[in-house]
């Protein structure tokens, strides 16, 4: 890793609006990426329910979806979360492999997804794991 990337955008949040945010890491050869995002959630949604809903969306939206593994894990500095490994085939026919992690912290859903063509995934797995392991959520900054 070359060093931390710290997001630098900031804006006033209008009354009644909500904010989603994301950060994208792109491989130099364009064959892989990692996208980490947060979104506000209803306070009643647990990490387990958030992961279940995300899985339902994947099964419904991704053609030829195949879940390879799903289970609990620690992430974001020791918070309880879940990991899902899966593959699917978009309309262009190039099968994609993804690893997706989920957690809920202080009413925000956090998702981190590593993506590459299935035949490129193994060569990028170590870099993907490093990015995902280094991910932090600075939720205390928010007013």
C-alpha atoms as a PDB file:
ATOM      1  CA  UNK A   1       0.000   0.000   0.000  1.00  0.00           C
ATOM      2  CA  UNK A   2       1.277   3.464  -0.779  1.00  0.00           C
ATOM      3  CA  UNK A   3      -0.534   5.276   2.035  1.00  0.00           C
ATOM      4  CA  UNK A   4      -3.937   6.352   3.273  1.00  0.00           C
ATOM      5  CA  UNK A   5      -6.509   8.041   1.092  1.00  0.00           C
ATOM      6  CA  UNK A   6      -8.685  10.419   3.091  1.00  0.00           C
ATOM      7  CA  UNK A   7     -11.806  11.789   1.438  1.00  0.00           C
ATOM      8  CA  UNK A   8     -11.787  15.563   1.214  1.00  0.00           C
ATOM      9  CA  UNK A   9     -15.272  16.671   0.154  1.00  0.00           C
ATOM     10  CA  UNK A  10     -17.636  18.396   2.549  1.00  0.00           C
ATOM     11  CA  UNK A  11     -20.996  20.169   2.142  1.00  0.00           C
ATOM     12  CA  UNK A  12     -23.923  21.486   4.146  1.00  0.00           C
ATOM     13  CA  UNK A  13     -26.718  18.933   4.427  1.00  0.00           C
ATOM     14  CA  UNK A  14     -30.109  20.580   3.767  1.00  0.00           C
ATOM     15  CA  UNK A  15     -32.851  19.988   6.326  1.00  0.00           C
ATOM     16  CA  UNK A  16     -34.679  16.725   5.624  1.00  0.00           C
ATOM     17  CA  UNK A  17     -32.102  15.477   3.127  1.00  0.00           C
ATOM     18  CA  UNK A  18     -29.763  12.540   3.694  1.00  0.00           C
ATOM     19  CA  UNK A  19     -26.268  11.845   2.455  1.00  0.00           C
ATOM     20  CA  UNK A  20     -24.701   8.804   0.841  1.00  0.00           C
ATOM     21  CA  UNK A  21     -21.011   8.730   0.182  1.00  0.00           C
ATOM     22  CA  UNK A  22     -18.578   6.468  -1.615  1.00  0.00           C
ATOM     23  CA  UNK A  23     -14.932   6.075  -2.438  1.00  0.00           C
ATOM     24  CA  UNK A  24     -13.634   4.116  -5.433  1.00  0.00           C
ATOM     25  CA  UNK A  25     -10.198   2.525  -5.831  1.00  0.00           C
ATOM     26  CA  UNK A  26      -9.262   1.580  -9.415  1.00  0.00           C
ATOM     27  CA  UNK A  27      -6.583  -0.919 -10.481  1.00  0.00           C
ATOM     28  CA  UNK A  28      -3.948   0.574 -12.825  1.00  0.00           C
ATOM     29  CA  UNK A  29      -4.836  -1.911 -15.574  1.00  0.00           C
ATOM     30  CA  UNK A  30      -8.576  -1.226 -15.251  1.00  0.00           C
ATOM     31  CA  UNK A  31      -9.310  -4.875 -14.426  1.00  0.00           C
ATOM     32  CA  UNK A  32     -10.449  -4.360 -10.835  1.00  0.00           C
ATOM     33  CA  UNK A  33     -11.908  -1.919  -8.375  1.00  0.00           C
ATOM     34  CA  UNK A  34     -13.018  -1.567  -4.789  1.00  0.00           C
ATOM     35  CA  UNK A  35     -15.974   0.640  -3.906  1.00  0.00           C
ATOM     36  CA  UNK A  36     -16.734   1.493  -0.293  1.00  0.00           C
ATOM     37  CA  UNK A  37     -19.921   3.370   0.538  1.00  0.00           C
ATOM     38  CA  UNK A  38     -22.105   4.440   3.426  1.00  0.00           C
ATOM     39  CA  UNK A  39     -25.784   5.248   3.553  1.00  0.00           C
ATOM     40  CA  UNK A  40     -28.194   6.268   6.302  1.00  0.00           C
ATOM     41  CA  UNK A  41     -30.476   3.511   7.565  1.00  0.00           C
ATOM     42  CA  UNK A  42     -33.598   3.276   9.659  1.00  0.00           C
ATOM     43  CA  UNK A  43     -32.354   2.804  13.242  1.00  0.00           C
ATOM     44  CA  UNK A  44     -34.196  -0.524  13.480  1.00  0.00           C
ATOM     45  CA  UNK A  45     -32.040  -2.149  10.758  1.00  0.00           C
ATOM     46  CA  UNK A  46     -29.369  -4.427  12.182  1.00  0.00           C
ATOM     47  CA  UNK A  47     -26.184  -5.537  10.469  1.00  0.00           C
ATOM     48  CA  UNK A  48     -27.720  -8.956   9.914  1.00  0.00           C
ATOM     49  CA  UNK A  49     -30.807  -7.507   8.249  1.00  0.00           C
ATOM     50  CA  UNK A  50     -28.709  -5.126   6.126  1.00  0.00           C
ATOM     51  CA  UNK A  51     -26.628  -8.051   4.820  1.00  0.00           C
ATOM     52  CA  UNK A  52     -29.800 -10.068   4.128  1.00  0.00           C
ATOM     53  CA  UNK A  53     -31.368  -7.221   2.136  1.00  0.00           C
ATOM     54  CA  UNK A  54     -28.178  -6.724   0.119  1.00  0.00           C
ATOM     55  CA  UNK A  55     -28.155 -10.431  -0.715  1.00  0.00           C
ATOM     56  CA  UNK A  56     -31.790 -10.272  -1.841  1.00  0.00           C
ATOM     57  CA  UNK A  57     -30.927  -7.362  -4.149  1.00  0.00           C
ATOM     58  CA  UNK A  58     -27.988  -9.238  -5.665  1.00  0.00           C
ATOM     59  CA  UNK A  59     -30.050 -12.367  -6.329  1.00  0.00           C
ATOM     60  CA  UNK A  60     -32.777 -10.285  -7.971  1.00  0.00           C
ATOM     61  CA  UNK A  61     -30.624  -7.868  -9.999  1.00  0.00           C
ATOM     62  CA  UNK A  62     -27.560  -9.845 -11.115  1.00  0.00           C
ATOM     63  CA  UNK A  63     -27.976 -12.332 -13.982  1.00  0.00           C
ATOM     64  CA  UNK A  64     -26.635 -15.836 -13.305  1.00  0.00           C
ATOM     65  CA  UNK A  65     -25.867 -14.937  -9.677  1.00  0.00           C
ATOM     66  CA  UNK A  66     -23.957 -17.609  -7.743  1.00  0.00           C
ATOM     67  CA  UNK A  67     -23.164 -17.199  -4.047  1.00  0.00           C
ATOM     68  CA  UNK A  68     -19.835 -18.815  -3.194  1.00  0.00           C
ATOM     69  CA  UNK A  69     -19.660 -18.006   0.528  1.00  0.00           C
ATOM     70  CA  UNK A  70     -21.491 -15.936   3.134  1.00  0.00           C
ATOM     71  CA  UNK A  71     -20.781 -15.498   6.823  1.00  0.00           C
ATOM     72  CA  UNK A  72     -19.939 -13.207   9.745  1.00  0.00           C
ATOM     73  CA  UNK A  73     -16.647 -11.346  10.064  1.00  0.00           C
ATOM     74  CA  UNK A  74     -15.051  -8.455  11.912  1.00  0.00           C
ATOM     75  CA  UNK A  75     -14.369  -5.305   9.905  1.00  0.00           C
ATOM     76  CA  UNK A  76     -13.798  -1.572  10.272  1.00  0.00           C
ATOM     77  CA  UNK A  77     -11.594  -1.907  13.330  1.00  0.00           C
ATOM     78  CA  UNK A  78     -13.422  -4.780  15.031  1.00  0.00           C
ATOM     79  CA  UNK A  79     -17.086  -4.102  14.250  1.00  0.00           C
ATOM     80  CA  UNK A  80     -19.356  -7.060  13.549  1.00  0.00           C
ATOM     81  CA  UNK A  81     -20.129  -7.458   9.892  1.00  0.00           C
ATOM     82  CA  UNK A  82     -20.684  -9.957   7.101  1.00  0.00           C
ATOM     83  CA  UNK A  83     -18.839 -11.051   3.998  1.00  0.00           C
ATOM     84  CA  UNK A  84     -20.332 -12.426   0.805  1.00  0.00           C
ATOM     85  CA  UNK A  85     -18.276 -13.914  -2.069  1.00  0.00           C
ATOM     86  CA  UNK A  86     -20.191 -14.309  -5.313  1.00  0.00           C
ATOM     87  CA  UNK A  87     -20.037 -14.269  -9.083  1.00  0.00           C
ATOM     88  CA  UNK A  88     -22.435 -13.310 -11.851  1.00  0.00           C
ATOM     89  CA  UNK A  89     -22.502 -12.814 -15.602  1.00  0.00           C
ATOM     90  CA  UNK A  90     -23.477  -9.391 -16.986  1.00  0.00           C
ATOM     91  CA  UNK A  91     -25.083  -9.097 -20.434  1.00  0.00           C
ATOM     92  CA  UNK A  92     -21.667  -8.795 -22.152  1.00  0.00           C
ATOM     93  CA  UNK A  93     -20.929 -12.347 -21.012  1.00  0.00           C
ATOM     94  CA  UNK A  94     -17.688 -11.697 -19.067  1.00  0.00           C
ATOM     95  CA  UNK A  95     -18.243 -13.418 -15.709  1.00  0.00           C
ATOM     96  CA  UNK A  96     -17.484 -11.168 -12.714  1.00  0.00           C
ATOM     97  CA  UNK A  97     -16.363 -12.162  -9.226  1.00  0.00           C
ATOM     98  CA  UNK A  98     -17.026  -9.940  -6.217  1.00  0.00           C
ATOM     99  CA  UNK A  99     -16.383  -9.910  -2.495  1.00  0.00           C
ATOM    100  CA  UNK A 100     -18.778  -7.704  -0.558  1.00  0.00           C
ATOM    101  CA  UNK A 101     -18.585  -6.760   3.126  1.00  0.00           C
ATOM    102  CA  UNK A 102     -21.373  -5.165   5.179  1.00  0.00           C
ATOM    103  CA  UNK A 103     -21.697  -3.536   8.582  1.00  0.00           C
ATOM    104  CA  UNK A 104     -24.052  -1.155  10.353  1.00  0.00           C
ATOM    105  CA  UNK A 105     -22.479   1.477  12.616  1.00  0.00           C
ATOM    106  CA  UNK A 106     -24.442   4.236  14.319  1.00  0.00           C
ATOM    107  CA  UNK A 107     -27.359   4.055  11.880  1.00  0.00           C
ATOM    108  CA  UNK A 108     -25.222   3.938   8.738  1.00  0.00           C
ATOM    109  CA  UNK A 109     -24.907   0.958   6.421  1.00  0.00           C
ATOM    110  CA  UNK A 110     -21.391   0.413   5.172  1.00  0.00           C
ATOM    111  CA  UNK A 111     -20.713  -1.719   2.101  1.00  0.00           C
ATOM    112  CA  UNK A 112     -17.317  -2.473   0.583  1.00  0.00           C
ATOM    113  CA  UNK A 113     -17.211  -4.335  -2.737  1.00  0.00           C
ATOM    114  CA  UNK A 114     -14.141  -5.676  -4.568  1.00  0.00           C
ATOM    115  CA  UNK A 115     -14.768  -6.510  -8.236  1.00  0.00           C
ATOM    116  CA  UNK A 116     -12.789  -8.083 -11.075  1.00  0.00           C
ATOM    117  CA  UNK A 117     -13.414 -10.362 -14.036  1.00  0.00           C
ATOM    118  CA  UNK A 118     -13.513 -13.897 -12.641  1.00  0.00           C
ATOM    119  CA  UNK A 119     -10.317 -14.877 -14.472  1.00  0.00           C
ATOM    120  CA  UNK A 120      -8.433 -11.882 -12.947  1.00  0.00           C
ATOM    121  CA  UNK A 121      -9.772 -12.023  -9.395  1.00  0.00           C
ATOM    122  CA  UNK A 122      -7.137 -14.308  -7.826  1.00  0.00           C
ATOM    123  CA  UNK A 123      -4.222 -12.130  -8.950  1.00  0.00           C
ATOM    124  CA  UNK A 124      -5.862  -9.081  -7.318  1.00  0.00           C
ATOM    125  CA  UNK A 125      -7.160 -10.805  -4.175  1.00  0.00           C
ATOM    126  CA  UNK A 126      -4.265  -9.700  -1.938  1.00  0.00           C
ATOM    127  CA  UNK A 127      -4.604  -6.037  -2.943  1.00  0.00           C
ATOM    128  CA  UNK A 128      -8.396  -6.227  -2.535  1.00  0.00           C
ATOM    129  CA  UNK A 129      -7.990  -7.710   0.958  1.00  0.00           C
ATOM    130  CA  UNK A 130      -5.510  -4.988   1.895  1.00  0.00           C
ATOM    131  CA  UNK A 131      -7.870  -2.206   0.857  1.00  0.00           C
ATOM    132  CA  UNK A 132     -10.813  -3.811   2.625  1.00  0.00           C
ATOM    133  CA  UNK A 133      -8.766  -4.432   5.787  1.00  0.00           C
ATOM    134  CA  UNK A 134      -7.564  -0.812   5.858  1.00  0.00           C
ATOM    135  CA  UNK A 135     -11.058   0.649   5.542  1.00  0.00           C
ATOM    136  CA  UNK A 136     -12.107   2.880   8.436  1.00  0.00           C
ATOM    137  CA  UNK A 137     -15.350   4.689   9.123  1.00  0.00           C
ATOM    138  CA  UNK A 138     -14.977   8.100  10.725  1.00  0.00           C
ATOM    139  CA  UNK A 139     -18.637   8.366  11.703  1.00  0.00           C
ATOM    140  CA  UNK A 140     -17.885  10.720  14.598  1.00  0.00           C
ATOM    141  CA  UNK A 141     -17.135  13.579  12.159  1.00  0.00           C
ATOM    142  CA  UNK A 142     -20.767  13.830  11.168  1.00  0.00           C
ATOM    143  CA  UNK A 143     -22.900  16.439  12.827  1.00  0.00           C
END
